[in-house]
Amino acid sequence: MNEETIIRLDRMRYTKNTLSSGLALLAILFDVFFFISIYESDVGNYYYNILVGASILYNLVFLLAAFLCSEGVKNYKIGYSYLMIALGVIQLIRIFIYPMQAHAATVMVQEQPVAVMSDGQFVRLVLYLVLSAACLIAGAIAGIKRSRALAAHLATLDSKVA
């Protein structure tokens, strides 16, 4: 290993993993955009069911878990990176729940069939979820790589001391 690499690895002991943390926070932002976009819609009474309650509850849990991950990966804790991957996969699965179902649904408003979700809103919601998932997965990969590199560097320092 060259000297620059050793210095870069040694600096990791004293600096935070801001890349992974920032990507987790960006994922939260995209989820908030998703949350606002879907719940500001009020087409008939389509959104008045138990699935909306579950979705709101999941959004709250997601926001808390993603923020916890942003703090965990900031300190090179690899377990939070794996949680970020799981959250990213769940974000992708969510595309097939509300956006897909609402886009395909129609409701009767004043005896006229009305689409619950327009094509533009559907594309925007899918984009928000995909971007949120991409940020989480990219942040997780960076977190895993950096955590392993720091752990390996610390192991070499421990072996030199012993």
C-alpha atoms as a PDB file:
ATOM      1  CA  MET A   1       0.000   0.000   0.000  1.00  0.00           C
ATOM      2  CA  ASN A   2       1.317   3.435  -0.849  1.00  0.00           C
ATOM      3  CA  GLU A   3       1.620   6.198   1.695  1.00  0.00           C
ATOM      4  CA  GLU A   4      -1.329   8.237   0.366  1.00  0.00           C
ATOM      5  CA  THR A   5      -3.686   5.301   0.755  1.00  0.00           C
ATOM      6  CA  ILE A   6      -2.511   4.701   4.303  1.00  0.00           C
ATOM      7  CA  ILE A   7      -3.019   8.376   5.166  1.00  0.00           C
ATOM      8  CA  ARG A   8      -6.490   8.359   3.591  1.00  0.00           C
ATOM      9  CA  LEU A   9      -7.432   5.264   5.576  1.00  0.00           C
ATOM     10  CA  ASP A  10      -5.967   6.683   8.767  1.00  0.00           C
ATOM     11  CA  ARG A  11      -7.984   9.891   8.319  1.00  0.00           C
ATOM     12  CA  MET A  12     -11.156   7.793   8.281  1.00  0.00           C
ATOM     13  CA  ARG A  13     -10.620   7.147  11.991  1.00  0.00           C
ATOM     14  CA  TYR A  14     -11.226  10.846  12.663  1.00  0.00           C
ATOM     15  CA  THR A  15     -13.715  11.858   9.976  1.00  0.00           C
ATOM     16  CA  LYS A  16     -17.339  10.903   9.403  1.00  0.00           C
ATOM     17  CA  ASN A  17     -18.733   9.009   6.433  1.00  0.00           C
ATOM     18  CA  THR A  18     -20.649  11.980   5.070  1.00  0.00           C
ATOM     19  CA  LEU A  19     -21.262  10.443   1.631  1.00  0.00           C
ATOM     20  CA  SER A  20     -23.383   7.561   2.915  1.00  0.00           C
ATOM     21  CA  SER A  21     -25.053   9.770   5.487  1.00  0.00           C
ATOM     22  CA  GLY A  22     -25.891  12.427   2.913  1.00  0.00           C
ATOM     23  CA  LEU A  23     -27.339   9.862   0.515  1.00  0.00           C
ATOM     24  CA  ALA A  24     -29.584   8.508   3.291  1.00  0.00           C
ATOM     25  CA  LEU A  25     -30.814  12.031   4.001  1.00  0.00           C
ATOM     26  CA  LEU A  26     -31.432  12.572   0.283  1.00  0.00           C
ATOM     27  CA  ALA A  27     -33.470   9.347   0.237  1.00  0.00           C
ATOM     28  CA  ILE A  28     -35.572  10.791   3.065  1.00  0.00           C
ATOM     29  CA  LEU A  29     -36.142  13.943   1.021  1.00  0.00           C
ATOM     30  CA  PHE A  30     -37.368  11.947  -1.995  1.00  0.00           C
ATOM     31  CA  ASP A  31     -39.681   9.956   0.289  1.00  0.00           C
ATOM     32  CA  VAL A  32     -41.101  13.200   1.679  1.00  0.00           C
ATOM     33  CA  PHE A  33     -41.779  14.356  -1.892  1.00  0.00           C
ATOM     34  CA  PHE A  34     -43.541  11.021  -2.518  1.00  0.00           C
ATOM     35  CA  PHE A  35     -45.512  11.381   0.705  1.00  0.00           C
ATOM     36  CA  ILE A  36     -46.669  14.907  -0.099  1.00  0.00           C
ATOM     37  CA  SER A  37     -47.523  14.123  -3.710  1.00  0.00           C
ATOM     38  CA  ILE A  38     -49.653  11.081  -2.981  1.00  0.00           C
ATOM     39  CA  TYR A  39     -51.441  12.340   0.104  1.00  0.00           C
ATOM     40  CA  GLU A  40     -52.328  15.758  -1.270  1.00  0.00           C
ATOM     41  CA  SER A  41     -54.483  13.952  -3.831  1.00  0.00           C
ATOM     42  CA  ASP A  42     -58.125  13.724  -2.938  1.00  0.00           C
ATOM     43  CA  VAL A  43     -60.064  11.996  -5.656  1.00  0.00           C
ATOM     44  CA  GLY A  44     -63.439  10.831  -4.475  1.00  0.00           C
ATOM     45  CA  ASN A  45     -63.052   8.567  -1.486  1.00  0.00           C
ATOM     46  CA  TYR A  46     -60.405   6.267  -2.983  1.00  0.00           C
ATOM     47  CA  TYR A  47     -57.778   7.138  -0.386  1.00  0.00           C
ATOM     48  CA  TYR A  48     -60.072   6.627   2.616  1.00  0.00           C
ATOM     49  CA  ASN A  49     -59.191   3.064   3.569  1.00  0.00           C
ATOM     50  CA  ILE A  50     -56.976   1.037   5.872  1.00  0.00           C
ATOM     51  CA  LEU A  51     -54.181   0.854   3.270  1.00  0.00           C
ATOM     52  CA  VAL A  52     -53.663   4.613   3.534  1.00  0.00           C
ATOM     53  CA  GLY A  53     -53.303   4.311   7.299  1.00  0.00           C
ATOM     54  CA  ALA A  54     -50.766   1.532   6.891  1.00  0.00           C
ATOM     55  CA  SER A  55     -48.920   3.559   4.267  1.00  0.00           C
ATOM     56  CA  ILE A  56     -48.739   6.614   6.509  1.00  0.00           C
ATOM     57  CA  LEU A  57     -47.508   4.472   9.380  1.00  0.00           C
ATOM     58  CA  TYR A  58     -44.870   2.885   7.142  1.00  0.00           C
ATOM     59  CA  ASN A  59     -43.747   6.321   5.953  1.00  0.00           C
ATOM     60  CA  LEU A  60     -43.176   7.404   9.547  1.00  0.00           C
ATOM     61  CA  VAL A  61     -41.217   4.229  10.312  1.00  0.00           C
ATOM     62  CA  PHE A  62     -39.234   4.649   7.088  1.00  0.00           C
ATOM     63  CA  LEU A  63     -38.323   8.242   7.915  1.00  0.00           C
ATOM     64  CA  LEU A  64     -37.146   7.273  11.399  1.00  0.00           C
ATOM     65  CA  ALA A  65     -35.222   4.205  10.182  1.00  0.00           C
ATOM     66  CA  ALA A  66     -33.552   6.082   7.336  1.00  0.00           C
ATOM     67  CA  PHE A  67     -32.496   8.869   9.694  1.00  0.00           C
ATOM     68  CA  LEU A  68     -31.135   6.300  12.139  1.00  0.00           C
ATOM     69  CA  CYS A  69     -29.203   4.733   9.253  1.00  0.00           C
ATOM     70  CA  SER A  70     -27.785   8.110   8.250  1.00  0.00           C
ATOM     71  CA  GLU A  71     -26.393   8.527  11.750  1.00  0.00           C
ATOM     72  CA  GLY A  72     -25.129   4.939  11.939  1.00  0.00           C
ATOM     73  CA  VAL A  73     -23.313   4.900   8.611  1.00  0.00           C
ATOM     74  CA  LYS A  74     -21.785   8.249   9.454  1.00  0.00           C
ATOM     75  CA  ASN A  75     -19.792   6.377  12.125  1.00  0.00           C
ATOM     76  CA  TYR A  76     -18.867   3.474   9.821  1.00  0.00           C
ATOM     77  CA  LYS A  77     -21.243   0.955  11.432  1.00  0.00           C
ATOM     78  CA  ILE A  78     -21.755  -1.643   8.727  1.00  0.00           C
ATOM     79  CA  GLY A  79     -25.046  -3.002  10.065  1.00  0.00           C
ATOM     80  CA  TYR A  80     -26.796   0.238   9.171  1.00  0.00           C
ATOM     81  CA  SER A  81     -25.614  -0.160   5.591  1.00  0.00           C
ATOM     82  CA  TYR A  82     -27.411  -3.489   5.363  1.00  0.00           C
ATOM     83  CA  LEU A  83     -30.540  -1.877   6.805  1.00  0.00           C
ATOM     84  CA  MET A  84     -30.261   0.811   4.113  1.00  0.00           C
ATOM     85  CA  ILE A  85     -30.252  -1.901   1.434  1.00  0.00           C
ATOM     86  CA  ALA A  86     -33.404  -3.422   2.931  1.00  0.00           C
ATOM     87  CA  LEU A  87     -35.105  -0.017   3.028  1.00  0.00           C
ATOM     88  CA  GLY A  88     -34.100   0.580  -0.600  1.00  0.00           C
ATOM     89  CA  VAL A  89     -35.613  -2.717  -1.709  1.00  0.00           C
ATOM     90  CA  ILE A  90     -38.824  -1.920   0.176  1.00  0.00           C
ATOM     91  CA  GLN A  91     -38.978   1.469  -1.573  1.00  0.00           C
ATOM     92  CA  LEU A  92     -38.877  -0.350  -4.915  1.00  0.00           C
ATOM     93  CA  ILE A  93     -41.598  -2.767  -3.789  1.00  0.00           C
ATOM     94  CA  ARG A  94     -43.792   0.199  -2.788  1.00  0.00           C
ATOM     95  CA  ILE A  95     -44.074   1.155  -6.468  1.00  0.00           C
ATOM     96  CA  PHE A  96     -46.410  -1.803  -6.922  1.00  0.00           C
ATOM     97  CA  ILE A  97     -48.660  -0.861  -4.006  1.00  0.00           C
ATOM     98  CA  TYR A  98     -50.110   2.636  -4.138  1.00  0.00           C
ATOM     99  CA  PRO A  99     -48.791   4.191  -7.344  1.00  0.00           C
ATOM    100  CA  MET A 100     -49.604   1.155  -9.483  1.00  0.00           C
ATOM    101  CA  GLN A 101     -53.009   0.497  -7.913  1.00  0.00           C
ATOM    102  CA  ALA A 102     -54.105   4.144  -7.876  1.00  0.00           C
ATOM    103  CA  HIS A 103     -52.949   4.680 -11.462  1.00  0.00           C
ATOM    104  CA  ALA A 104     -55.126   1.797 -12.629  1.00  0.00           C
ATOM    105  CA  ALA A 105     -58.175   2.811 -10.564  1.00  0.00           C
ATOM    106  CA  THR A 106     -61.105   5.058 -11.359  1.00  0.00           C
ATOM    107  CA  VAL A 107     -63.782   6.428  -9.037  1.00  0.00           C
ATOM    108  CA  MET A 108     -67.176   7.944  -9.676  1.00  0.00           C
ATOM    109  CA  VAL A 109     -67.342  11.675  -8.963  1.00  0.00           C
ATOM    110  CA  GLN A 110     -70.691  13.303  -9.717  1.00  0.00           C
ATOM    111  CA  GLU A 111     -71.639  10.247 -11.754  1.00  0.00           C
ATOM    112  CA  GLN A 112     -68.541  10.569 -13.959  1.00  0.00           C
ATOM    113  CA  PRO A 113     -65.608   8.133 -13.923  1.00  0.00           C
ATOM    114  CA  VAL A 114     -62.431   9.937 -12.859  1.00  0.00           C
ATOM    115  CA  ALA A 115     -58.905   8.512 -12.850  1.00  0.00           C
ATOM    116  CA  VAL A 116     -57.524   8.411  -9.326  1.00  0.00           C
ATOM    117  CA  MET A 117     -53.990   9.201 -10.463  1.00  0.00           C
ATOM    118  CA  SER A 118     -52.892  10.934 -13.643  1.00  0.00           C
ATOM    119  CA  ASP A 119     -50.017   9.672 -15.767  1.00  0.00           C
ATOM    120  CA  GLY A 120     -47.856  12.618 -14.727  1.00  0.00           C
ATOM    121  CA  GLN A 121     -48.380  12.015 -11.029  1.00  0.00           C
ATOM    122  CA  PHE A 122     -47.738   8.298 -11.487  1.00  0.00           C
ATOM    123  CA  VAL A 123     -44.417   8.936 -13.238  1.00  0.00           C
ATOM    124  CA  ARG A 124     -43.432  11.458 -10.572  1.00  0.00           C
ATOM    125  CA  LEU A 125     -44.258   9.056  -7.713  1.00  0.00           C
ATOM    126  CA  VAL A 126     -42.362   6.192  -9.311  1.00  0.00           C
ATOM    127  CA  LEU A 127     -39.404   8.503  -9.895  1.00  0.00           C
ATOM    128  CA  TYR A 128     -39.403   9.608  -6.243  1.00  0.00           C
ATOM    129  CA  LEU A 129     -39.423   6.012  -5.019  1.00  0.00           C
ATOM    130  CA  VAL A 130     -36.723   4.919  -7.473  1.00  0.00           C
ATOM    131  CA  LEU A 131     -34.505   7.873  -6.550  1.00  0.00           C
ATOM    132  CA  SER A 132     -35.040   7.204  -2.852  1.00  0.00           C
ATOM    133  CA  ALA A 133     -34.109   3.539  -3.314  1.00  0.00           C
ATOM    134  CA  ALA A 134     -31.090   4.416  -5.468  1.00  0.00           C
ATOM    135  CA  CYS A 135     -29.785   6.837  -2.836  1.00  0.00           C
ATOM    136  CA  LEU A 136     -30.208   4.245  -0.099  1.00  0.00           C
ATOM    137  CA  ILE A 137     -28.522   1.455  -2.038  1.00  0.00           C
ATOM    138  CA  ALA A 138     -25.669   3.665  -3.283  1.00  0.00           C
ATOM    139  CA  GLY A 139     -25.124   4.989   0.247  1.00  0.00           C
ATOM    140  CA  ALA A 140     -25.173   1.456   1.608  1.00  0.00           C
ATOM    141  CA  ILE A 141     -22.593   0.229  -0.899  1.00  0.00           C
ATOM    142  CA  ALA A 142     -20.325   3.165  -0.103  1.00  0.00           C
ATOM    143  CA  GLY A 143     -20.853   2.535   3.604  1.00  0.00           C
ATOM    144  CA  ILE A 144     -19.992  -1.139   3.335  1.00  0.00           C
ATOM    145  CA  LYS A 145     -16.843  -0.455   1.321  1.00  0.00           C
ATOM    146  CA  ARG A 146     -15.659   2.274   3.660  1.00  0.00           C
ATOM    147  CA  SER A 147     -16.497   0.325   6.819  1.00  0.00           C
ATOM    148  CA  ARG A 148     -14.594  -2.712   5.597  1.00  0.00           C
ATOM    149  CA  ALA A 149     -11.622  -0.602   4.530  1.00  0.00           C
ATOM    150  CA  LEU A 150     -11.496   1.097   7.922  1.00  0.00           C
ATOM    151  CA  ALA A 151     -11.856  -2.224   9.764  1.00  0.00           C
ATOM    152  CA  ALA A 152      -9.014  -3.729   7.734  1.00  0.00           C
ATOM    153  CA  HIS A 153      -6.837  -0.674   8.411  1.00  0.00           C
ATOM    154  CA  LEU A 154      -7.561  -0.820  12.124  1.00  0.00           C
ATOM    155  CA  ALA A 155      -6.688  -4.528  12.120  1.00  0.00           C
ATOM    156  CA  THR A 156      -3.289  -3.744  10.577  1.00  0.00           C
ATOM    157  CA  LEU A 157      -2.693  -1.062  13.222  1.00  0.00           C
ATOM    158  CA  ASP A 158      -3.599  -3.530  15.971  1.00  0.00           C
ATOM    159  CA  SER A 159      -1.230  -6.144  14.554  1.00  0.00           C
ATOM    160  CA  LYS A 160       1.606  -3.608  14.441  1.00  0.00           C
ATOM    161  CA  VAL A 161       1.034  -2.683  18.089  1.00  0.00           C
ATOM    162  CA  ALA A 162       0.933  -6.296  19.300  1.00  0.00           C
END
